[in-house]
Amino acid sequence: MKIKDQITSMLAVGLLMMVSGAHASLDVGDEAPNWTLQASDGQTYQLSDLRGKHVVLAFFPKAFTGGCTIECKSVRDSKKQVRRFDVQFFMASTDDLATNKAFADQNNANFPILSDDSKSVSEAYGVLASMGYSKRWTFYIDADGKVSKIDRDVNPRTAGRDLLKNLVALQVPVQ
């Protein structure tokens, strides 16, 4: 292939990614992008403030939809076991803060739900889908701020059990 053809091909791929909303995603071992987001519990959280603690960031597409409600309840019901681990757990969506607060209240969420209504964090983590929603991916971030696992195949029904299995497999310290 000639250089001109290679450049044309690369430009076409780049344009296709821009048009389709595709973004490079993170890999295990990468530094997790920092973020500052408001949460359903009235607090503002910043990833860099949580350094020294394991963090789980579970993106979900849209509050008040079937799968997202099932996922929220699955994690909620596992929270008692999750509390044994030295981990800060969050769910996050591109919904606005008022919507996430109402969603958290309706589902008795016992963890903060973060609002990424600017979509900048979803974009930085490579989870922003073409419709403006986050993909249902969960990021496990170690105490040094590195991505230790990415679950790109989250099952809403088993999300709580899978969270516990992953915390054990990643050897997250118990409190």
N, C-alpha and C. Protein backbone atom coordinates (compact mmCIF):
# COMPACT_ATOMS: atom_id res chain seq x y z
N MET A 1 0.85 -1.18 0.00
CA MET A 1 0.00 0.00 0.00
C MET A 1 0.89 1.24 0.00
N LYS A 2 0.55 2.19 -0.85
CA LYS A 2 1.33 3.42 -0.94
C LYS A 2 1.08 4.31 0.27
N ILE A 3 2.02 5.17 0.55
CA ILE A 3 1.91 6.10 1.68
C ILE A 3 0.63 6.93 1.56
N LYS A 4 0.35 7.43 0.38
CA LYS A 4 -0.86 8.25 0.17
C LYS A 4 -2.11 7.45 0.54
N ASP A 5 -2.16 6.18 0.13
CA ASP A 5 -3.31 5.33 0.44
C ASP A 5 -3.41 5.05 1.93
N GLN A 6 -2.25 4.86 2.60
CA GLN A 6 -2.25 4.63 4.04
C GLN A 6 -2.79 5.84 4.79
N ILE A 7 -2.35 7.03 4.38
CA ILE A 7 -2.81 8.26 5.03
C ILE A 7 -4.32 8.43 4.81
N THR A 8 -4.77 8.20 3.58
CA THR A 8 -6.20 8.31 3.29
C THR A 8 -6.99 7.33 4.13
N SER A 9 -6.48 6.11 4.29
CA SER A 9 -7.16 5.09 5.09
C SER A 9 -7.23 5.51 6.56
N MET A 10 -6.11 6.04 7.09
CA MET A 10 -6.10 6.47 8.49
C MET A 10 -7.06 7.63 8.71
N LEU A 11 -7.11 8.57 7.78
CA LEU A 11 -8.04 9.70 7.90
C LEU A 11 -9.48 9.22 7.86
N ALA A 12 -9.77 8.25 7.01
CA ALA A 12 -11.13 7.71 6.93
C ALA A 12 -11.53 7.04 8.23
N VAL A 13 -10.63 6.27 8.83
CA VAL A 13 -10.92 5.61 10.11
C VAL A 13 -11.16 6.67 11.19
N GLY A 14 -10.32 7.69 11.25
CA GLY A 14 -10.48 8.76 12.23
C GLY A 14 -11.80 9.48 12.07
N LEU A 15 -12.17 9.77 10.82
CA LEU A 15 -13.44 10.44 10.56
C LEU A 15 -14.61 9.55 10.96
N LEU A 16 -14.52 8.27 10.66
CA LEU A 16 -15.57 7.33 11.03
C LEU A 16 -15.74 7.27 12.55
N MET A 17 -14.62 7.27 13.28
CA MET A 17 -14.69 7.26 14.75
C MET A 17 -15.36 8.53 15.26
N MET A 18 -15.03 9.68 14.66
CA MET A 18 -15.62 10.94 15.11
C MET A 18 -17.12 10.96 14.84
N VAL A 19 -17.53 10.51 13.65
CA VAL A 19 -18.94 10.52 13.28
C VAL A 19 -19.75 9.53 14.12
N SER A 20 -19.17 8.36 14.39
CA SER A 20 -19.91 7.33 15.13
C SER A 20 -19.89 7.55 16.64
N GLY A 21 -19.10 8.48 17.11
CA GLY A 21 -19.01 8.73 18.55
C GLY A 21 -18.09 7.76 19.26
N ALA A 22 -17.30 6.98 18.51
CA ALA A 22 -16.39 6.02 19.13
C ALA A 22 -15.20 6.75 19.72
N HIS A 23 -14.76 6.29 20.85
CA HIS A 23 -13.62 6.89 21.53
C HIS A 23 -12.71 5.76 22.00
N ALA A 24 -11.44 6.09 22.10
CA ALA A 24 -10.50 5.10 22.62
C ALA A 24 -10.88 4.82 24.06
N SER A 25 -10.84 3.57 24.43
CA SER A 25 -11.18 3.23 25.80
C SER A 25 -9.91 2.94 26.59
N LEU A 26 -10.07 2.88 27.88
CA LEU A 26 -8.95 2.59 28.77
C LEU A 26 -8.64 1.10 28.74
N ASP A 27 -7.44 0.78 29.16
CA ASP A 27 -7.03 -0.60 29.31
C ASP A 27 -6.57 -0.83 30.75
N VAL A 28 -6.55 -2.08 31.16
CA VAL A 28 -6.03 -2.44 32.47
C VAL A 28 -4.58 -1.96 32.55
N GLY A 29 -4.23 -1.34 33.67
CA GLY A 29 -2.90 -0.80 33.87
C GLY A 29 -2.79 0.68 33.58
N ASP A 30 -3.79 1.24 32.87
CA ASP A 30 -3.79 2.67 32.59
C ASP A 30 -4.15 3.47 33.84
N GLU A 31 -3.66 4.68 33.90
CA GLU A 31 -4.06 5.62 34.95
C GLU A 31 -5.52 5.99 34.71
N ALA A 32 -6.34 5.87 35.73
CA ALA A 32 -7.76 6.23 35.59
C ALA A 32 -7.87 7.75 35.49
N PRO A 33 -8.58 8.25 34.49
CA PRO A 33 -8.76 9.70 34.40
C PRO A 33 -9.44 10.26 35.65
N ASN A 34 -8.94 11.38 36.11
CA ASN A 34 -9.52 12.01 37.29
C ASN A 34 -10.89 12.59 36.93
N TRP A 35 -11.74 12.72 37.90
CA TRP A 35 -13.04 13.32 37.71
C TRP A 35 -13.51 13.95 39.00
N THR A 36 -14.40 14.91 38.85
CA THR A 36 -15.10 15.54 39.97
C THR A 36 -16.57 15.57 39.57
N LEU A 37 -17.41 14.85 40.32
CA LEU A 37 -18.82 14.74 39.97
C LEU A 37 -19.71 14.87 41.20
N GLN A 38 -20.88 15.44 40.99
CA GLN A 38 -21.87 15.54 42.05
C GLN A 38 -22.62 14.22 42.14
N ALA A 39 -23.06 13.90 43.35
CA ALA A 39 -23.70 12.62 43.59
C ALA A 39 -25.09 12.77 44.18
N SER A 40 -25.83 11.70 44.11
CA SER A 40 -27.20 11.65 44.61
C SER A 40 -27.30 11.88 46.11
N ASP A 41 -26.19 11.68 46.84
CA ASP A 41 -26.20 11.87 48.29
C ASP A 41 -25.89 13.31 48.70
N GLY A 42 -25.82 14.23 47.71
CA GLY A 42 -25.57 15.64 48.00
C GLY A 42 -24.10 16.01 48.06
N GLN A 43 -23.22 15.04 47.96
CA GLN A 43 -21.79 15.32 48.01
C GLN A 43 -21.20 15.42 46.62
N THR A 44 -20.01 16.00 46.56
CA THR A 44 -19.23 16.03 45.33
C THR A 44 -18.00 15.16 45.58
N TYR A 45 -17.73 14.26 44.67
CA TYR A 45 -16.61 13.33 44.80
C TYR A 45 -15.58 13.61 43.72
N GLN A 46 -14.31 13.44 44.11
CA GLN A 46 -13.21 13.59 43.16
C GLN A 46 -12.33 12.35 43.29
N LEU A 47 -12.03 11.73 42.16
CA LEU A 47 -11.25 10.49 42.19
C LEU A 47 -9.91 10.70 42.89
N SER A 48 -9.24 11.81 42.62
CA SER A 48 -7.92 12.03 43.22
C SER A 48 -7.99 12.11 44.75
N ASP A 49 -9.13 12.52 45.30
CA ASP A 49 -9.31 12.56 46.76
C ASP A 49 -9.42 11.16 47.36
N LEU A 50 -9.68 10.17 46.53
CA LEU A 50 -9.87 8.79 47.00
C LEU A 50 -8.61 7.95 46.84
N ARG A 51 -7.50 8.59 46.49
CA ARG A 51 -6.24 7.88 46.34
C ARG A 51 -5.93 7.16 47.64
N GLY A 52 -5.45 5.93 47.54
CA GLY A 52 -5.19 5.11 48.72
C GLY A 52 -6.34 4.16 49.02
N LYS A 53 -7.44 4.32 48.30
CA LYS A 53 -8.61 3.47 48.47
C LYS A 53 -8.99 2.91 47.10
N HIS A 54 -9.47 1.69 47.08
CA HIS A 54 -9.96 1.11 45.83
C HIS A 54 -11.30 1.76 45.49
N VAL A 55 -11.54 1.97 44.20
CA VAL A 55 -12.75 2.62 43.72
C VAL A 55 -13.36 1.76 42.63
N VAL A 56 -14.67 1.61 42.68
CA VAL A 56 -15.40 0.95 41.60
C VAL A 56 -16.35 1.98 41.02
N LEU A 57 -16.26 2.17 39.70
CA LEU A 57 -17.09 3.12 38.99
C LEU A 57 -17.91 2.35 37.95
N ALA A 58 -19.20 2.19 38.23
CA ALA A 58 -20.09 1.39 37.38
C ALA A 58 -20.98 2.33 36.56
N PHE A 59 -20.64 2.48 35.29
CA PHE A 59 -21.45 3.30 34.40
C PHE A 59 -22.71 2.54 34.00
N PHE A 60 -23.82 3.26 33.87
CA PHE A 60 -25.06 2.66 33.38
C PHE A 60 -25.72 3.64 32.42
N PRO A 61 -26.54 3.13 31.50
CA PRO A 61 -27.08 4.00 30.44
C PRO A 61 -28.08 5.06 30.88
N LYS A 62 -29.15 4.70 31.58
CA LYS A 62 -30.22 5.66 31.81
C LYS A 62 -31.04 5.28 33.03
N ALA A 63 -31.19 6.25 33.92
CA ALA A 63 -32.02 6.04 35.12
C ALA A 63 -33.46 5.72 34.72
N PHE A 64 -34.11 4.95 35.57
CA PHE A 64 -35.52 4.59 35.44
C PHE A 64 -35.81 3.67 34.25
N THR A 65 -34.78 3.04 33.69
CA THR A 65 -35.03 2.04 32.65
C THR A 65 -34.90 0.66 33.30
N GLY A 66 -35.46 -0.35 32.65
CA GLY A 66 -35.54 -1.68 33.24
C GLY A 66 -34.20 -2.25 33.69
N GLY A 67 -33.24 -2.35 32.78
CA GLY A 67 -31.94 -2.95 33.12
C GLY A 67 -31.19 -2.16 34.17
N CYS A 68 -31.26 -0.84 34.10
CA CYS A 68 -30.54 -0.01 35.06
C CYS A 68 -31.14 -0.10 36.45
N THR A 69 -32.46 -0.22 36.51
CA THR A 69 -33.14 -0.41 37.80
C THR A 69 -32.75 -1.75 38.41
N ILE A 70 -32.74 -2.79 37.58
CA ILE A 70 -32.35 -4.12 38.06
C ILE A 70 -30.90 -4.10 38.56
N GLU A 71 -30.00 -3.44 37.82
CA GLU A 71 -28.60 -3.36 38.24
C GLU A 71 -28.46 -2.62 39.57
N CYS A 72 -29.14 -1.50 39.69
CA CYS A 72 -29.07 -0.71 40.93
C CYS A 72 -29.52 -1.54 42.13
N LYS A 73 -30.63 -2.26 41.97
CA LYS A 73 -31.14 -3.08 43.07
C LYS A 73 -30.22 -4.26 43.37
N SER A 74 -29.61 -4.83 42.35
CA SER A 74 -28.68 -5.95 42.56
C SER A 74 -27.48 -5.51 43.39
N VAL A 75 -26.94 -4.34 43.06
CA VAL A 75 -25.79 -3.82 43.82
C VAL A 75 -26.24 -3.43 45.23
N ARG A 76 -27.38 -2.78 45.32
CA ARG A 76 -27.93 -2.37 46.63
C ARG A 76 -28.04 -3.58 47.56
N ASP A 77 -28.55 -4.68 47.02
CA ASP A 77 -28.77 -5.87 47.84
C ASP A 77 -27.47 -6.57 48.23
N SER A 78 -26.37 -6.23 47.58
CA SER A 78 -25.06 -6.81 47.91
C SER A 78 -24.22 -5.87 48.77
N LYS A 79 -24.73 -4.70 49.06
CA LYS A 79 -23.94 -3.67 49.75
C LYS A 79 -23.44 -4.13 51.12
N LYS A 80 -24.21 -4.93 51.82
CA LYS A 80 -23.77 -5.39 53.14
C LYS A 80 -22.44 -6.15 53.03
N GLN A 81 -22.33 -7.02 52.02
CA GLN A 81 -21.08 -7.77 51.81
C GLN A 81 -19.98 -6.87 51.23
N VAL A 82 -20.37 -5.91 50.40
CA VAL A 82 -19.39 -5.00 49.79
C VAL A 82 -18.72 -4.15 50.87
N ARG A 83 -19.47 -3.79 51.91
CA ARG A 83 -18.92 -2.95 52.99
C ARG A 83 -17.72 -3.59 53.70
N ARG A 84 -17.58 -4.90 53.59
CA ARG A 84 -16.43 -5.57 54.22
C ARG A 84 -15.12 -5.15 53.55
N PHE A 85 -15.20 -4.70 52.31
CA PHE A 85 -14.00 -4.36 51.55
C PHE A 85 -13.68 -2.87 51.68
N ASP A 86 -12.39 -2.56 51.59
CA ASP A 86 -11.94 -1.17 51.62
C ASP A 86 -12.09 -0.60 50.21
N VAL A 87 -13.33 -0.29 49.85
CA VAL A 87 -13.64 0.16 48.49
C VAL A 87 -14.72 1.23 48.55
N GLN A 88 -14.63 2.17 47.63
CA GLN A 88 -15.70 3.17 47.44
C GLN A 88 -16.40 2.82 46.14
N PHE A 89 -17.69 2.54 46.22
CA PHE A 89 -18.47 2.14 45.05
C PHE A 89 -19.36 3.28 44.58
N PHE A 90 -19.41 3.48 43.26
CA PHE A 90 -20.30 4.47 42.66
C PHE A 90 -20.96 3.85 41.42
N MET A 91 -22.19 4.25 41.18
CA MET A 91 -22.78 4.09 39.86
C MET A 91 -22.74 5.48 39.24
N ALA A 92 -22.72 5.55 37.90
CA ALA A 92 -22.65 6.85 37.22
C ALA A 92 -23.40 6.77 35.89
N SER A 93 -24.08 7.87 35.58
CA SER A 93 -24.76 7.96 34.29
C SER A 93 -24.65 9.40 33.77
N THR A 94 -25.11 9.59 32.54
CA THR A 94 -25.11 10.93 31.96
C THR A 94 -26.41 11.69 32.31
N ASP A 95 -27.23 11.09 33.15
CA ASP A 95 -28.44 11.79 33.62
C ASP A 95 -28.05 12.97 34.50
N ASP A 96 -28.94 13.97 34.58
CA ASP A 96 -28.66 15.11 35.45
C ASP A 96 -28.80 14.71 36.92
N LEU A 97 -28.32 15.57 37.79
CA LEU A 97 -28.28 15.27 39.22
C LEU A 97 -29.68 15.01 39.79
N ALA A 98 -30.66 15.82 39.42
CA ALA A 98 -32.01 15.64 39.96
C ALA A 98 -32.58 14.27 39.57
N THR A 99 -32.34 13.85 38.34
CA THR A 99 -32.82 12.54 37.89
C THR A 99 -32.14 11.43 38.67
N ASN A 100 -30.81 11.52 38.84
CA ASN A 100 -30.10 10.47 39.58
C ASN A 100 -30.50 10.45 41.05
N LYS A 101 -30.78 11.61 41.62
CA LYS A 101 -31.23 11.64 43.02
C LYS A 101 -32.59 10.94 43.14
N ALA A 102 -33.50 11.24 42.24
CA ALA A 102 -34.82 10.60 42.27
C ALA A 102 -34.69 9.09 42.03
N PHE A 103 -33.80 8.70 41.13
CA PHE A 103 -33.57 7.27 40.85
C PHE A 103 -33.01 6.57 42.09
N ALA A 104 -32.03 7.21 42.74
CA ALA A 104 -31.44 6.65 43.96
C ALA A 104 -32.49 6.52 45.06
N ASP A 105 -33.32 7.55 45.23
CA ASP A 105 -34.37 7.53 46.26
C ASP A 105 -35.38 6.42 45.97
N GLN A 106 -35.84 6.32 44.74
CA GLN A 106 -36.86 5.33 44.39
C GLN A 106 -36.36 3.91 44.62
N ASN A 107 -35.06 3.68 44.39
CA ASN A 107 -34.50 2.33 44.49
C ASN A 107 -33.75 2.09 45.80
N ASN A 108 -33.87 3.04 46.75
CA ASN A 108 -33.19 2.91 48.04
C ASN A 108 -31.70 2.60 47.87
N ALA A 109 -31.07 3.29 46.95
CA ALA A 109 -29.65 3.06 46.70
C ALA A 109 -28.86 3.42 47.96
N ASN A 110 -28.01 2.51 48.38
CA ASN A 110 -27.19 2.72 49.58
C ASN A 110 -25.74 3.02 49.19
N PHE A 111 -25.59 3.71 48.06
CA PHE A 111 -24.29 4.13 47.52
C PHE A 111 -24.58 5.36 46.66
N PRO A 112 -23.57 6.20 46.43
CA PRO A 112 -23.78 7.40 45.62
C PRO A 112 -23.92 7.07 44.12
N ILE A 113 -24.83 7.80 43.48
CA ILE A 113 -24.96 7.72 42.03
C ILE A 113 -24.48 9.07 41.48
N LEU A 114 -23.45 9.00 40.66
CA LEU A 114 -22.80 10.20 40.13
C LEU A 114 -23.48 10.69 38.86
N SER A 115 -23.54 12.01 38.71
CA SER A 115 -24.12 12.62 37.52
C SER A 115 -23.01 13.16 36.63
N ASP A 116 -22.90 12.57 35.44
CA ASP A 116 -21.94 13.02 34.42
C ASP A 116 -22.73 13.66 33.27
N ASP A 117 -23.55 14.67 33.63
CA ASP A 117 -24.41 15.26 32.61
C ASP A 117 -23.64 16.02 31.53
N SER A 118 -22.39 16.37 31.78
CA SER A 118 -21.56 16.99 30.73
C SER A 118 -21.01 15.92 29.78
N LYS A 119 -21.10 14.67 30.19
CA LYS A 119 -20.63 13.50 29.42
C LYS A 119 -19.10 13.44 29.30
N SER A 120 -18.40 14.32 29.98
CA SER A 120 -16.94 14.37 29.85
C SER A 120 -16.24 13.17 30.48
N VAL A 121 -16.76 12.69 31.60
CA VAL A 121 -16.14 11.53 32.25
C VAL A 121 -16.42 10.27 31.44
N SER A 122 -17.66 10.13 30.98
CA SER A 122 -17.99 8.98 30.13
C SER A 122 -17.10 8.96 28.88
N GLU A 123 -16.87 10.12 28.33
CA GLU A 123 -16.00 10.22 27.15
C GLU A 123 -14.56 9.85 27.51
N ALA A 124 -14.06 10.36 28.64
CA ALA A 124 -12.68 10.07 29.06
C ALA A 124 -12.47 8.58 29.33
N TYR A 125 -13.51 7.89 29.79
CA TYR A 125 -13.41 6.46 30.08
C TYR A 125 -13.76 5.59 28.88
N GLY A 126 -14.13 6.23 27.76
CA GLY A 126 -14.43 5.49 26.55
C GLY A 126 -15.76 4.76 26.57
N VAL A 127 -16.70 5.22 27.39
CA VAL A 127 -17.99 4.53 27.51
C VAL A 127 -19.14 5.31 26.88
N LEU A 128 -18.88 6.47 26.31
CA LEU A 128 -19.95 7.28 25.76
C LEU A 128 -20.42 6.68 24.45
N ALA A 129 -21.68 6.25 24.43
CA ALA A 129 -22.27 5.65 23.23
C ALA A 129 -22.80 6.76 22.32
N SER A 130 -23.07 6.42 21.09
CA SER A 130 -23.47 7.41 20.09
C SER A 130 -24.75 8.16 20.44
N MET A 131 -25.64 7.57 21.22
CA MET A 131 -26.88 8.23 21.61
C MET A 131 -26.70 9.16 22.81
N GLY A 132 -25.48 9.28 23.33
CA GLY A 132 -25.23 10.17 24.46
C GLY A 132 -25.35 9.51 25.82
N TYR A 133 -25.62 8.21 25.82
CA TYR A 133 -25.70 7.46 27.07
C TYR A 133 -24.37 6.76 27.32
N SER A 134 -24.13 6.39 28.57
CA SER A 134 -22.95 5.59 28.90
C SER A 134 -23.23 4.12 28.62
N LYS A 135 -22.20 3.42 28.20
CA LYS A 135 -22.30 1.96 28.08
C LYS A 135 -22.31 1.38 29.49
N ARG A 136 -22.84 0.18 29.64
CA ARG A 136 -22.90 -0.48 30.95
C ARG A 136 -21.56 -1.19 31.19
N TRP A 137 -20.55 -0.41 31.59
CA TRP A 137 -19.22 -0.95 31.88
C TRP A 137 -18.86 -0.57 33.30
N THR A 138 -18.11 -1.45 33.97
CA THR A 138 -17.66 -1.18 35.33
C THR A 138 -16.14 -1.18 35.37
N PHE A 139 -15.58 -0.13 35.98
CA PHE A 139 -14.14 0.04 36.11
C PHE A 139 -13.74 -0.17 37.56
N TYR A 140 -12.74 -1.00 37.76
CA TYR A 140 -12.16 -1.26 39.08
C TYR A 140 -10.82 -0.51 39.09
N ILE A 141 -10.67 0.39 40.03
CA ILE A 141 -9.49 1.26 40.11
C ILE A 141 -8.78 0.95 41.42
N ASP A 142 -7.48 0.66 41.33
CA ASP A 142 -6.75 0.28 42.55
C ASP A 142 -6.38 1.51 43.37
N ALA A 143 -5.77 1.27 44.51
CA ALA A 143 -5.45 2.35 45.46
C ALA A 143 -4.44 3.35 44.90
N ASP A 144 -3.72 2.96 43.85
CA ASP A 144 -2.75 3.86 43.21
C ASP A 144 -3.36 4.63 42.04
N GLY A 145 -4.65 4.42 41.79
CA GLY A 145 -5.32 5.14 40.71
C GLY A 145 -5.21 4.49 39.35
N LYS A 146 -4.78 3.23 39.31
CA LYS A 146 -4.65 2.49 38.05
C LYS A 146 -5.88 1.61 37.84
N VAL A 147 -6.27 1.46 36.58
CA VAL A 147 -7.38 0.57 36.24
C VAL A 147 -6.90 -0.87 36.43
N SER A 148 -7.56 -1.62 37.31
CA SER A 148 -7.15 -3.01 37.56
C SER A 148 -8.05 -4.02 36.87
N LYS A 149 -9.26 -3.59 36.49
CA LYS A 149 -10.17 -4.48 35.76
C LYS A 149 -11.24 -3.61 35.10
N ILE A 150 -11.67 -4.05 33.92
CA ILE A 150 -12.80 -3.42 33.24
C ILE A 150 -13.78 -4.53 32.89
N ASP A 151 -14.98 -4.41 33.41
CA ASP A 151 -16.04 -5.37 33.08
C ASP A 151 -16.89 -4.73 31.99
N ARG A 152 -16.71 -5.22 30.76
CA ARG A 152 -17.45 -4.70 29.61
C ARG A 152 -18.69 -5.54 29.31
N ASP A 153 -18.96 -6.50 30.15
CA ASP A 153 -20.09 -7.41 29.93
C ASP A 153 -20.91 -7.54 31.21
N VAL A 154 -21.37 -6.41 31.74
CA VAL A 154 -22.11 -6.38 33.00
C VAL A 154 -23.51 -6.95 32.78
N ASN A 155 -23.89 -7.88 33.64
CA ASN A 155 -25.24 -8.43 33.63
C ASN A 155 -26.00 -7.74 34.77
N PRO A 156 -27.03 -6.95 34.45
CA PRO A 156 -27.75 -6.23 35.51
C PRO A 156 -28.24 -7.13 36.64
N ARG A 157 -28.73 -8.32 36.31
CA ARG A 157 -29.29 -9.22 37.32
C ARG A 157 -28.26 -9.74 38.31
N THR A 158 -27.02 -9.90 37.86
CA THR A 158 -25.98 -10.46 38.72
C THR A 158 -24.91 -9.43 39.07
N ALA A 159 -25.17 -8.16 38.82
CA ALA A 159 -24.16 -7.11 39.03
C ALA A 159 -23.62 -7.10 40.46
N GLY A 160 -24.47 -7.28 41.45
CA GLY A 160 -24.03 -7.28 42.85
C GLY A 160 -23.13 -8.46 43.16
N ARG A 161 -23.55 -9.66 42.76
CA ARG A 161 -22.72 -10.86 42.97
C ARG A 161 -21.40 -10.76 42.21
N ASP A 162 -21.47 -10.26 40.98
CA ASP A 162 -20.25 -10.13 40.18
C ASP A 162 -19.29 -9.12 40.79
N LEU A 163 -19.83 -8.04 41.34
CA LEU A 163 -19.01 -7.06 42.04
C LEU A 163 -18.23 -7.73 43.17
N LEU A 164 -18.91 -8.51 43.98
CA LEU A 164 -18.25 -9.20 45.09
C LEU A 164 -17.18 -10.17 44.59
N LYS A 165 -17.49 -10.95 43.56
CA LYS A 165 -16.52 -11.89 43.00
C LYS A 165 -15.28 -11.15 42.50
N ASN A 166 -15.49 -10.02 41.85
CA ASN A 166 -14.35 -9.26 41.32
C ASN A 166 -13.51 -8.64 42.44
N LEU A 167 -14.15 -8.16 43.50
CA LEU A 167 -13.39 -7.61 44.63
C LEU A 167 -12.51 -8.70 45.25
N VAL A 168 -13.04 -9.90 45.37
CA VAL A 168 -12.26 -11.02 45.91
C VAL A 168 -11.13 -11.38 44.95
N ALA A 169 -11.43 -11.51 43.66
CA ALA A 169 -10.42 -11.89 42.67
C ALA A 169 -9.30 -10.86 42.58
N LEU A 170 -9.64 -9.59 42.76
CA LEU A 170 -8.64 -8.52 42.70
C LEU A 170 -7.90 -8.33 44.02
N GLN A 171 -8.27 -9.13 45.01
CA GLN A 171 -7.66 -9.10 46.34
C GLN A 171 -7.73 -7.71 46.97
N VAL A 172 -8.91 -7.10 46.83
CA VAL A 172 -9.15 -5.79 47.48
C VAL A 172 -9.14 -6.05 48.98
N PRO A 173 -8.40 -5.25 49.74
CA PRO A 173 -8.31 -5.47 51.18
C PRO A 173 -9.67 -5.42 51.89
N VAL A 174 -9.80 -6.23 52.91
CA VAL A 174 -10.99 -6.23 53.75
C VAL A 174 -10.73 -5.24 54.88
N GLN A 175 -11.76 -4.52 55.28
CA GLN A 175 -11.61 -3.52 56.34
C GLN A 175 -11.53 -4.16 57.70
